[in-house]
C-alpha atoms as a PDB file:
ATOM      1  CA  MET A   1      76.507 237.874 107.552  1.00  0.00           C
ATOM      2  CA  ASP A   2      79.232 239.597 105.580  1.00  0.00           C
ATOM      3  CA  THR A   3      80.514 237.642 102.593  1.00  0.00           C
ATOM      4  CA  LEU A   4      83.545 237.740 100.327  1.00  0.00           C
ATOM      5  CA  LYS A   5      83.468 237.081  96.600  1.00  0.00           C
ATOM      6  CA  PHE A   6      86.242 235.423  94.603  1.00  0.00           C
ATOM      7  CA  LYS A   7      86.895 235.283  90.869  1.00  0.00           C
ATOM      8  CA  LEU A   8      88.586 232.260  89.280  1.00  0.00           C
ATOM      9  CA  VAL A   9      90.054 231.813  85.805  1.00  0.00           C
ATOM     10  CA  ILE A  10      89.888 228.116  84.981  1.00  0.00           C
ATOM     11  CA  ALA A  11      91.450 226.043  82.194  1.00  0.00           C
ATOM     12  CA  TYR A  12      90.435 222.510  81.354  1.00  0.00           C
ATOM     13  CA  ASP A  13      90.630 219.740  78.803  1.00  0.00           C
ATOM     14  CA  GLY A  14      86.984 218.928  78.150  1.00  0.00           C
ATOM     15  CA  THR A  15      87.565 215.451  76.709  1.00  0.00           C
ATOM     16  CA  ALA A  16      86.403 213.566  79.802  1.00  0.00           C
ATOM     17  CA  TYR A  17      83.505 215.880  80.691  1.00  0.00           C
ATOM     18  CA  GLN A  18      79.945 216.477  79.571  1.00  0.00           C
ATOM     19  CA  GLY A  19      80.543 220.207  79.416  1.00  0.00           C
ATOM     20  CA  TRP A  20      81.077 222.782  82.149  1.00  0.00           C
ATOM     21  CA  GLN A  21      77.765 222.749  84.004  1.00  0.00           C
ATOM     22  CA  LEU A  22      76.468 220.269  86.558  1.00  0.00           C
ATOM     23  CA  GLN A  23      74.946 217.189  84.911  1.00  0.00           C
ATOM     24  CA  LYS A  24      72.166 214.807  85.862  1.00  0.00           C
ATOM     25  CA  ILE A  25      73.967 212.121  83.871  1.00  0.00           C
ATOM     26  CA  GLY A  26      77.739 212.307  83.488  1.00  0.00           C
ATOM     27  CA  THR A  27      80.236 214.719  84.999  1.00  0.00           C
ATOM     28  CA  GLY A  28      80.660 218.430  84.399  1.00  0.00           C
ATOM     29  CA  VAL A  29      83.773 220.472  85.166  1.00  0.00           C
ATOM     30  CA  GLN A  30      81.768 222.615  87.588  1.00  0.00           C
ATOM     31  CA  GLU A  31      81.066 219.565  89.760  1.00  0.00           C
ATOM     32  CA  LYS A  32      84.778 218.809  90.119  1.00  0.00           C
ATOM     33  CA  VAL A  33      85.706 222.365  91.109  1.00  0.00           C
ATOM     34  CA  GLU A  34      82.807 222.727  93.558  1.00  0.00           C
ATOM     35  CA  ALA A  35      83.797 219.469  95.260  1.00  0.00           C
ATOM     36  CA  VAL A  36      87.250 220.921  95.959  1.00  0.00           C
ATOM     37  CA  LEU A  37      85.831 224.261  97.128  1.00  0.00           C
ATOM     38  CA  LYS A  38      83.799 222.324  99.682  1.00  0.00           C
ATOM     39  CA  ARG A  39      87.043 221.039 101.216  1.00  0.00           C
ATOM     40  CA  TYR A  40      88.087 224.566 102.132  1.00  0.00           C
ATOM     41  CA  PHE A  41      84.738 226.305 102.630  1.00  0.00           C
ATOM     42  CA  PRO A  42      82.105 224.545 104.816  1.00  0.00           C
ATOM     43  CA  SER A  43      79.255 226.487 103.174  1.00  0.00           C
ATOM     44  CA  ALA A  44      79.936 224.520  99.947  1.00  0.00           C
ATOM     45  CA  PRO A  45      79.777 227.551  97.622  1.00  0.00           C
ATOM     46  CA  ARG A  46      78.178 227.311  94.202  1.00  0.00           C
ATOM     47  CA  LEU A  47      80.218 228.448  91.203  1.00  0.00           C
ATOM     48  CA  HIS A  48      78.657 230.901  88.752  1.00  0.00           C
ATOM     49  CA  SER A  49      80.379 230.800  85.378  1.00  0.00           C
ATOM     50  CA  SER A  50      80.720 233.169  82.446  1.00  0.00           C
ATOM     51  CA  SER A  51      79.795 230.467  79.926  1.00  0.00           C
ATOM     52  CA  ARG A  52      78.568 226.947  79.399  1.00  0.00           C
ATOM     53  CA  THR A  53      80.779 224.795  77.235  1.00  0.00           C
ATOM     54  CA  ASP A  54      79.468 221.645  75.555  1.00  0.00           C
ATOM     55  CA  THR A  55      80.654 218.062  75.891  1.00  0.00           C
ATOM     56  CA  GLY A  56      84.258 217.746  74.694  1.00  0.00           C
ATOM     57  CA  VAL A  57      84.899 221.501  74.395  1.00  0.00           C
ATOM     58  CA  HIS A  58      87.987 222.886  76.131  1.00  0.00           C
ATOM     59  CA  ALA A  59      88.699 226.154  77.939  1.00  0.00           C
ATOM     60  CA  LEU A  60      91.739 228.270  78.656  1.00  0.00           C
ATOM     61  CA  GLY A  61      89.924 231.276  80.101  1.00  0.00           C
ATOM     62  CA  MET A  62      86.674 230.190  81.738  1.00  0.00           C
ATOM     63  CA  VAL A  63      85.752 232.774  84.395  1.00  0.00           C
ATOM     64  CA  ALA A  64      83.675 231.844  87.434  1.00  0.00           C
ATOM     65  CA  HIS A  65      82.919 233.394  90.807  1.00  0.00           C
ATOM     66  CA  PHE A  66      81.845 232.123  94.209  1.00  0.00           C
ATOM     67  CA  GLU A  67      80.882 233.741  97.497  1.00  0.00           C
ATOM     68  CA  VAL A  68      81.533 232.596 101.064  1.00  0.00           C
ATOM     69  CA  PRO A  69      80.847 233.955 104.563  1.00  0.00           C
ATOM     70  CA  LYS A  70      83.737 236.140 105.670  1.00  0.00           C
ATOM     71  CA  PRO A  71      84.719 233.906 108.647  1.00  0.00           C
ATOM     72  CA  GLU A  72      85.344 231.001 106.228  1.00  0.00           C
ATOM     73  CA  ALA A  73      87.884 232.923 104.139  1.00  0.00           C
ATOM     74  CA  ARG A  74      90.930 231.920 106.186  1.00  0.00           C
ATOM     75  CA  LEU A  75      93.045 230.693 103.287  1.00  0.00           C
ATOM     76  CA  PRO A  76      95.469 233.389 102.048  1.00  0.00           C
ATOM     77  CA  LEU A  77      94.423 234.633  98.621  1.00  0.00           C
ATOM     78  CA  ALA A  78      97.923 234.058  97.253  1.00  0.00           C
ATOM     79  CA  ARG A  79      97.550 230.341  98.012  1.00  0.00           C
ATOM     80  CA  LEU A  80      93.972 229.812  96.875  1.00  0.00           C
ATOM     81  CA  ALA A  81      94.741 228.652  93.305  1.00  0.00           C
ATOM     82  CA  ILE A  82      97.549 226.387  94.546  1.00  0.00           C
ATOM     83  CA  ALA A  83      95.290 224.882  97.200  1.00  0.00           C
ATOM     84  CA  LEU A  84      92.484 224.163  94.742  1.00  0.00           C
ATOM     85  CA  ASN A  85      94.824 222.661  92.148  1.00  0.00           C
ATOM     86  CA  ALA A  86      96.232 220.295  94.771  1.00  0.00           C
ATOM     87  CA  PHE A  87      92.947 218.355  94.754  1.00  0.00           C
ATOM     88  CA  LEU A  88      91.677 218.966  91.225  1.00  0.00           C
ATOM     89  CA  PRO A  89      92.221 216.353  88.498  1.00  0.00           C
ATOM     90  CA  GLU A  90      95.134 217.083  86.172  1.00  0.00           C
ATOM     91  CA  ASP A  91      92.848 218.071  83.299  1.00  0.00           C
ATOM     92  CA  ILE A  92      91.396 221.004  85.304  1.00  0.00           C
ATOM     93  CA  ARG A  93      93.495 223.902  86.597  1.00  0.00           C
ATOM     94  CA  VAL A  94      92.769 227.211  88.306  1.00  0.00           C
ATOM     95  CA  LEU A  95      95.093 229.676  86.591  1.00  0.00           C
ATOM     96  CA  HIS A  96      94.212 232.747  88.666  1.00  0.00           C
ATOM     97  CA  ALA A  97      92.256 233.450  91.835  1.00  0.00           C
ATOM     98  CA  THR A  98      91.463 237.016  92.886  1.00  0.00           C
ATOM     99  CA  ARG A  99      89.033 238.924  95.100  1.00  0.00           C
ATOM    100  CA  ALA A 100      86.041 240.314  93.221  1.00  0.00           C
ATOM    101  CA  PRO A 101      83.796 243.289  93.984  1.00  0.00           C
ATOM    102  CA  ALA A 102      80.574 242.456  95.806  1.00  0.00           C
ATOM    103  CA  LYS A 103      78.472 243.242  92.730  1.00  0.00           C
ATOM    104  CA  PHE A 104      80.616 241.295  90.247  1.00  0.00           C
ATOM    105  CA  HIS A 105      78.916 238.512  88.294  1.00  0.00           C
ATOM    106  CA  ALA A 106      80.972 236.284  85.993  1.00  0.00           C
ATOM    107  CA  ARG A 107      78.160 235.855  83.493  1.00  0.00           C
ATOM    108  CA  PHE A 108      76.146 239.068  83.591  1.00  0.00           C
ATOM    109  CA  HIS A 109      79.148 241.393  83.598  1.00  0.00           C
ATOM    110  CA  ALA A 110      80.919 239.710  80.687  1.00  0.00           C
ATOM    111  CA  THR A 111      81.060 242.088  77.711  1.00  0.00           C
ATOM    112  CA  GLY A 112      82.453 239.597  75.205  1.00  0.00           C
ATOM    113  CA  LYS A 113      84.125 236.245  74.620  1.00  0.00           C
ATOM    114  CA  GLN A 114      86.749 234.870  72.313  1.00  0.00           C
ATOM    115  CA  TYR A 115      86.693 231.299  71.052  1.00  0.00           C
ATOM    116  CA  ARG A 116      89.441 229.651  69.048  1.00  0.00           C
ATOM    117  CA  TYR A 117      89.014 226.593  66.886  1.00  0.00           C
ATOM    118  CA  PHE A 118      92.014 224.531  65.762  1.00  0.00           C
ATOM    119  CA  VAL A 119      92.308 222.545  62.541  1.00  0.00           C
ATOM    120  CA  TRP A 120      95.196 220.348  61.407  1.00  0.00           C
ATOM    121  CA  ASN A 121      95.158 220.484  57.596  1.00  0.00           C
ATOM    122  CA  HIS A 122      97.359 217.657  56.372  1.00  0.00           C
ATOM    123  CA  HIS A 123      96.795 214.142  55.059  1.00  0.00           C
ATOM    124  CA  ALA A 124      98.297 212.746  58.292  1.00  0.00           C
ATOM    125  CA  MET A 125      97.063 213.875  61.698  1.00  0.00           C
ATOM    126  CA  ASN A 126      99.543 215.380  64.141  1.00  0.00           C
ATOM    127  CA  PRO A 127      99.412 212.941  67.082  1.00  0.00           C
ATOM    128  CA  LEU A 128     100.413 215.720  69.486  1.00  0.00           C
ATOM    129  CA  LEU A 129      97.150 217.526  68.648  1.00  0.00           C
ATOM    130  CA  GLN A 130      94.923 214.484  68.904  1.00  0.00           C
ATOM    131  CA  GLY A 131      91.764 215.473  70.765  1.00  0.00           C
ATOM    132  CA  ARG A 132      92.606 219.176  70.494  1.00  0.00           C
ATOM    133  CA  ALA A 133      92.283 219.863  66.777  1.00  0.00           C
ATOM    134  CA  TRP A 134      90.010 218.758  63.944  1.00  0.00           C
ATOM    135  CA  HIS A 135      91.859 216.679  61.367  1.00  0.00           C
ATOM    136  CA  VAL A 136      90.928 217.980  57.905  1.00  0.00           C
ATOM    137  CA  ALA A 137      92.862 215.961  55.350  1.00  0.00           C
ATOM    138  CA  ARG A 138      91.598 217.660  52.171  1.00  0.00           C
ATOM    139  CA  PRO A 139      93.264 220.825  50.791  1.00  0.00           C
ATOM    140  CA  LEU A 140      91.590 224.084  51.804  1.00  0.00           C
ATOM    141  CA  ASP A 141      91.187 227.346  49.904  1.00  0.00           C
ATOM    142  CA  TYR A 142      92.260 229.808  52.573  1.00  0.00           C
ATOM    143  CA  ALA A 143      91.575 232.899  50.460  1.00  0.00           C
ATOM    144  CA  ALA A 144      87.950 231.806  50.028  1.00  0.00           C
ATOM    145  CA  MET A 145      87.562 231.017  53.741  1.00  0.00           C
ATOM    146  CA  ARG A 146      88.948 234.410  54.761  1.00  0.00           C
ATOM    147  CA  GLN A 147      86.617 236.163  52.339  1.00  0.00           C
ATOM    148  CA  ALA A 148      83.646 234.187  53.683  1.00  0.00           C
ATOM    149  CA  ALA A 149      84.619 234.915  57.298  1.00  0.00           C
ATOM    150  CA  LYS A 150      84.106 238.659  56.732  1.00  0.00           C
ATOM    151  CA  TYR A 151      80.357 238.141  56.253  1.00  0.00           C
ATOM    152  CA  PHE A 152      80.009 236.983  59.869  1.00  0.00           C
ATOM    153  CA  VAL A 153      81.367 240.209  61.376  1.00  0.00           C
ATOM    154  CA  GLY A 154      78.727 242.633  62.611  1.00  0.00           C
ATOM    155  CA  LYS A 155      75.263 242.400  64.127  1.00  0.00           C
ATOM    156  CA  ARG A 156      73.626 239.345  62.566  1.00  0.00           C
ATOM    157  CA  ASP A 157      70.883 236.805  63.148  1.00  0.00           C
ATOM    158  CA  PHE A 158      72.917 233.600  63.587  1.00  0.00           C
ATOM    159  CA  LYS A 159      69.990 231.187  63.744  1.00  0.00           C
ATOM    160  CA  SER A 160      71.251 229.363  60.625  1.00  0.00           C
ATOM    161  CA  PHE A 161      74.517 228.511  62.378  1.00  0.00           C
ATOM    162  CA  ALA A 162      73.230 227.417  65.781  1.00  0.00           C
ATOM    163  CA  ALA A 163      71.821 224.071  66.843  1.00  0.00           C
ATOM    164  CA  ASN A 164      68.355 223.863  68.344  1.00  0.00           C
ATOM    165  CA  HIS A 165      68.562 224.764  72.013  1.00  0.00           C
ATOM    166  CA  PRO A 166      66.673 222.812  74.704  1.00  0.00           C
ATOM    167  CA  TYR A 167      64.794 226.014  75.571  1.00  0.00           C
ATOM    168  CA  ALA A 168      63.540 228.898  73.428  1.00  0.00           C
ATOM    169  CA  MET A 169      65.923 231.825  72.960  1.00  0.00           C
ATOM    170  CA  ALA A 170      64.630 235.382  73.335  1.00  0.00           C
ATOM    171  CA  SER A 171      66.778 236.408  70.366  1.00  0.00           C
ATOM    172  CA  THR A 172      69.195 234.736  67.958  1.00  0.00           C
ATOM    173  CA  VAL A 173      70.852 238.052  67.071  1.00  0.00           C
ATOM    174  CA  ARG A 174      74.459 238.428  68.154  1.00  0.00           C
ATOM    175  CA  THR A 175      77.323 240.783  67.268  1.00  0.00           C
ATOM    176  CA  LEU A 176      80.679 239.407  66.155  1.00  0.00           C
ATOM    177  CA  THR A 177      83.618 241.788  66.253  1.00  0.00           C
ATOM    178  CA  ARG A 178      86.117 239.331  64.829  1.00  0.00           C
ATOM    179  CA  CYS A 179      86.143 236.232  62.621  1.00  0.00           C
ATOM    180  CA  ASP A 180      89.669 235.480  61.427  1.00  0.00           C
ATOM    181  CA  VAL A 181      91.218 232.485  59.705  1.00  0.00           C
ATOM    182  CA  LYS A 182      94.909 232.205  60.525  1.00  0.00           C
ATOM    183  CA  ARG A 183      97.383 229.666  59.162  1.00  0.00           C
ATOM    184  CA  SER A 184     100.762 228.536  60.447  1.00  0.00           C
ATOM    185  CA  GLY A 185     102.109 225.638  58.455  1.00  0.00           C
ATOM    186  CA  MET A 186      99.600 222.818  58.638  1.00  0.00           C
ATOM    187  CA  GLN A 187      97.719 224.288  61.601  1.00  0.00           C
ATOM    188  CA  SER A 188      94.794 226.648  61.122  1.00  0.00           C
ATOM    189  CA  THR A 189      93.234 228.759  63.851  1.00  0.00           C
ATOM    190  CA  PHE A 190      89.758 230.249  63.576  1.00  0.00           C
ATOM    191  CA  VAL A 191      89.417 233.206  65.971  1.00  0.00           C
ATOM    192  CA  ILE A 192      85.819 234.189  66.700  1.00  0.00           C
ATOM    193  CA  GLU A 193      85.023 237.054  69.047  1.00  0.00           C
ATOM    194  CA  GLY A 194      81.687 238.602  69.968  1.00  0.00           C
ATOM    195  CA  ASP A 195      79.250 239.764  72.596  1.00  0.00           C
ATOM    196  CA  GLY A 196      77.629 236.343  72.941  1.00  0.00           C
ATOM    197  CA  PHE A 197      77.147 232.997  71.259  1.00  0.00           C
ATOM    198  CA  LEU A 198      74.258 230.664  70.529  1.00  0.00           C
ATOM    199  CA  TYR A 199      74.258 226.917  71.155  1.00  0.00           C
ATOM    200  CA  LYS A 200      76.984 225.364  68.956  1.00  0.00           C
ATOM    201  CA  MET A 201      77.210 228.591  66.948  1.00  0.00           C
ATOM    202  CA  CYS A 202      81.021 228.630  66.722  1.00  0.00           C
ATOM    203  CA  ARG A 203      81.075 225.055  65.501  1.00  0.00           C
ATOM    204  CA  GLY A 204      78.471 225.868  62.858  1.00  0.00           C
ATOM    205  CA  ILE A 205      80.527 228.812  61.621  1.00  0.00           C
ATOM    206  CA  VAL A 206      83.790 226.846  61.483  1.00  0.00           C
ATOM    207  CA  GLY A 207      82.216 223.797  59.839  1.00  0.00           C
ATOM    208  CA  THR A 208      80.654 225.977  57.152  1.00  0.00           C
ATOM    209  CA  LEU A 209      83.900 227.893  56.564  1.00  0.00           C
ATOM    210  CA  VAL A 210      85.767 224.612  56.089  1.00  0.00           C
ATOM    211  CA  GLN A 211      83.171 223.585  53.512  1.00  0.00           C
ATOM    212  CA  VAL A 212      83.813 226.914  51.764  1.00  0.00           C
ATOM    213  CA  GLY A 213      87.470 225.856  51.784  1.00  0.00           C
ATOM    214  CA  PHE A 214      86.447 222.594  50.095  1.00  0.00           C
ATOM    215  CA  GLY A 215      84.607 224.526  47.386  1.00  0.00           C
ATOM    216  CA  LYS A 216      81.176 223.235  48.390  1.00  0.00           C
ATOM    217  CA  TYR A 217      80.004 226.797  49.050  1.00  0.00           C
ATOM    218  CA  SER A 218      81.167 230.146  47.707  1.00  0.00           C
ATOM    219  CA  PRO A 219      82.034 232.985  50.113  1.00  0.00           C
ATOM    220  CA  GLY A 220      78.920 234.872  49.006  1.00  0.00           C
ATOM    221  CA  ASP A 221      76.713 231.964  50.054  1.00  0.00           C
ATOM    222  CA  ILE A 222      77.233 233.015  53.684  1.00  0.00           C
ATOM    223  CA  LYS A 223      74.993 236.062  53.151  1.00  0.00           C
ATOM    224  CA  THR A 224      72.216 233.833  51.840  1.00  0.00           C
ATOM    225  CA  MET A 225      72.597 231.392  54.737  1.00  0.00           C
ATOM    226  CA  LEU A 226      72.366 234.182  57.292  1.00  0.00           C
ATOM    227  CA  ALA A 227      69.294 235.644  55.612  1.00  0.00           C
ATOM    228  CA  GLN A 228      67.393 232.342  55.636  1.00  0.00           C
ATOM    229  CA  THR A 229      67.613 231.934  59.456  1.00  0.00           C
ATOM    230  CA  ASP A 230      67.302 228.174  59.062  1.00  0.00           C
ATOM    231  CA  ARG A 231      69.913 225.715  60.306  1.00  0.00           C
ATOM    232  CA  ARG A 232      69.297 223.537  57.256  1.00  0.00           C
ATOM    233  CA  ALA A 233      70.489 226.359  55.004  1.00  0.00           C
ATOM    234  CA  ALA A 234      74.029 226.431  56.389  1.00  0.00           C
ATOM    235  CA  GLY A 235      76.872 223.940  56.442  1.00  0.00           C
ATOM    236  CA  MET A 236      78.050 221.304  58.861  1.00  0.00           C
ATOM    237  CA  SER A 237      79.047 221.685  62.513  1.00  0.00           C
ATOM    238  CA  ALA A 238      82.718 221.170  63.284  1.00  0.00           C
ATOM    239  CA  PRO A 239      83.438 218.533  65.970  1.00  0.00           C
ATOM    240  CA  ALA A 240      83.628 219.696  69.581  1.00  0.00           C
ATOM    241  CA  HIS A 241      87.236 218.739  70.339  1.00  0.00           C
ATOM    242  CA  GLY A 242      88.797 221.555  68.288  1.00  0.00           C
ATOM    243  CA  LEU A 243      87.017 224.339  70.175  1.00  0.00           C
ATOM    244  CA  VAL A 244      88.483 226.321  73.084  1.00  0.00           C
ATOM    245  CA  LEU A 245      86.895 229.093  75.141  1.00  0.00           C
ATOM    246  CA  TRP A 246      89.969 231.282  74.968  1.00  0.00           C
ATOM    247  CA  LYS A 247      89.102 234.438  76.886  1.00  0.00           C
ATOM    248  CA  VAL A 248      86.227 236.319  78.514  1.00  0.00           C
ATOM    249  CA  PHE A 249      86.188 240.115  78.432  1.00  0.00           C
ATOM    250  CA  TYR A 250      84.971 242.489  81.139  1.00  0.00           C
ATOM    251  CA  SER A 251      84.604 246.248  81.288  1.00  0.00           C
ATOM    252  CA  LYS A 252      85.476 247.806  84.614  1.00  0.00           C
ATOM    253  CA  SER A 253      83.121 250.723  84.107  1.00  0.00           C
ATOM    254  CA  SER A 254      80.121 248.886  82.673  1.00  0.00           C
ATOM    255  CA  ARG A 255      77.192 247.644  84.693  1.00  0.00           C
ATOM    256  CA  SER A 256      75.283 244.672  83.354  1.00  0.00           C
ATOM    257  CA  ARG A 257      71.727 245.106  82.120  1.00  0.00           C
ATOM    258  CA  ARG A 258      70.807 242.066  84.165  1.00  0.00           C
ATOM    259  CA  GLU A 259      72.025 243.678  87.385  1.00  0.00           C
ATOM    260  CA  GLU A 260      70.157 246.895  86.565  1.00  0.00           C
ATOM    261  CA  ALA A 261      66.963 244.940  85.973  1.00  0.00           C
ATOM    262  CA  LEU A 262      67.336 243.028  89.237  1.00  0.00           C
ATOM    263  CA  THR A 263      67.965 246.250  91.166  1.00  0.00           C
ATOM    264  CA  LYS A 264      64.954 247.936  89.568  1.00  0.00           C
ATOM    265  CA  ASN A 265      62.711 245.021  90.468  1.00  0.00           C
ATOM    266  CA  LYS A 266      63.743 245.220  94.118  1.00  0.00           C
ATOM    267  CA  GLU A 267      62.983 248.948  94.385  1.00  0.00           C
END
């Protein structure tokens, strides 16, 4: 049977959820969205996402796709996001819904991701950012943090900055194209962009950079931490609630290695 594929861009406040993915214990964002999809599509399509966010982490640009038999796709595309949002909880919203090519895969075709981490650096927390920014009351040395951030850019083994994953990783090498520390008044934004991320890697980077800002580490210590490939060598992990999956990047002309491998195996 012919099928149609749809691409969703989803934003959510992760405070009430145990991450994006379906959970044996607790509730994931994916479960909530799939329950609403089932209302409109009898085949109860499964969502395939670009990323997995952890408990308490937020998203502005999570990308996911689903596929349904063509006869089920009666809802006009222009109304799909509105229809889904009508039954989703207020802390989850579909920002965009579009048709996707038959070969598109939200995860395997992603070429990069951008995360942003927010810090409120003042002795008193901004109540309007409660649950969406890390309150760091101590003064920070922004020049030192920016200098340290440069050491993360490039192809690196980030094992020292990632938490132990439930399953073994084939490689802990990733490439970061951007690691910026921006400041606007009392609010700081850490912008981290790369081709992929390890488990809690962004939080390990931000937590360590903040400790550089405290003076606990020097900027040059980052090189030593990276070289040791040991989580105990690096600094703390920042709390989950300041982290946002900001955007996922795709290349129209690129074909994922995963898809190529799957095609080769079928031949």
